[in-house]
Amino acid sequence: MKVLGAILAGGASRRFGSDKAEALIAGEPMLFHVAHRLSPQTDGLVICGRSWGSLRTVADRPRPGMGPLGGLAGALRHAGDHGFDLVLTAACDMPDIPPGLVERLGPAPSVVKGQQLVGLWPASLAAELEAHLDETGDYSVRAWMGRTGARQVEIGEVMSNINTSADLDAFTRRAGPRSSP
C-alpha cells in the first residue's frame, strides 16, 4: 500500500495570535517538525491549505473555506490521482507525532482517539468526501467520521496539539533540547 502524508495547514491560527506553523521549536518552524515526523512514515508528503518550502501544495477541495475536511478532500483527490492508496493526515500544530502510525491506525478509515486530525484514510473516499461537503454543508470531522465509520484508535501516547503560545511554551519546556528532529 502506497501512503501519502498530508499536513493540514490551512487554519487561521486565531488562538495562537500569529502563524503557528512558523512558530519556532528548537530553532525550526513547527511545520518542519511535523514534516520531519510524518515523512519517514509515508511514500510522499504534501501540505494542504498553504505553500511552504519545497513541499508540494494541495488545494482544498471542493473549494477553500471548508476547514480541515477541505484539506483532507484535496489530499484524498491528489492521492488517488497520483497512485497512492492511503492518506495519513496530521495537523501542522502537532510537532511530536509518533512513529508507526500507519501500522497502528490500519485498517483505514481511522483516527487517533482524541486527535481526530491524525488519521488514516483510503484515497478512494475522495469523491464521497467532496459530495459530503457540497451536499451537507457539514464541515465537521466528527460527522465525516460517522459517515465513513472511521474507528477511533487508542495509540497509548499523548500527542501535543499547540493552539496557543502558552501551549508552545509548555511543549518547549517538556521537550527540552530533544524537541529538535
Foldseek 3Di string as FASTA:
>chain_A
DAEEEEEEQQDPLVQAPDRQQQDDFLRGGLLVLVCVQCVVQHPAYAYENDDDDPHHYFYFPPHPDLPSLSRVLRVLQVCVVVPHFKYFYDYSQWRCDHPDPPVQQPPDAAAAVPGRRGGMHTSVCNVVSRCCCVPVVDSDSVVVCVVVVYYHTHPPDDIQGDSYVVSVVVVSVVCPNVSPD
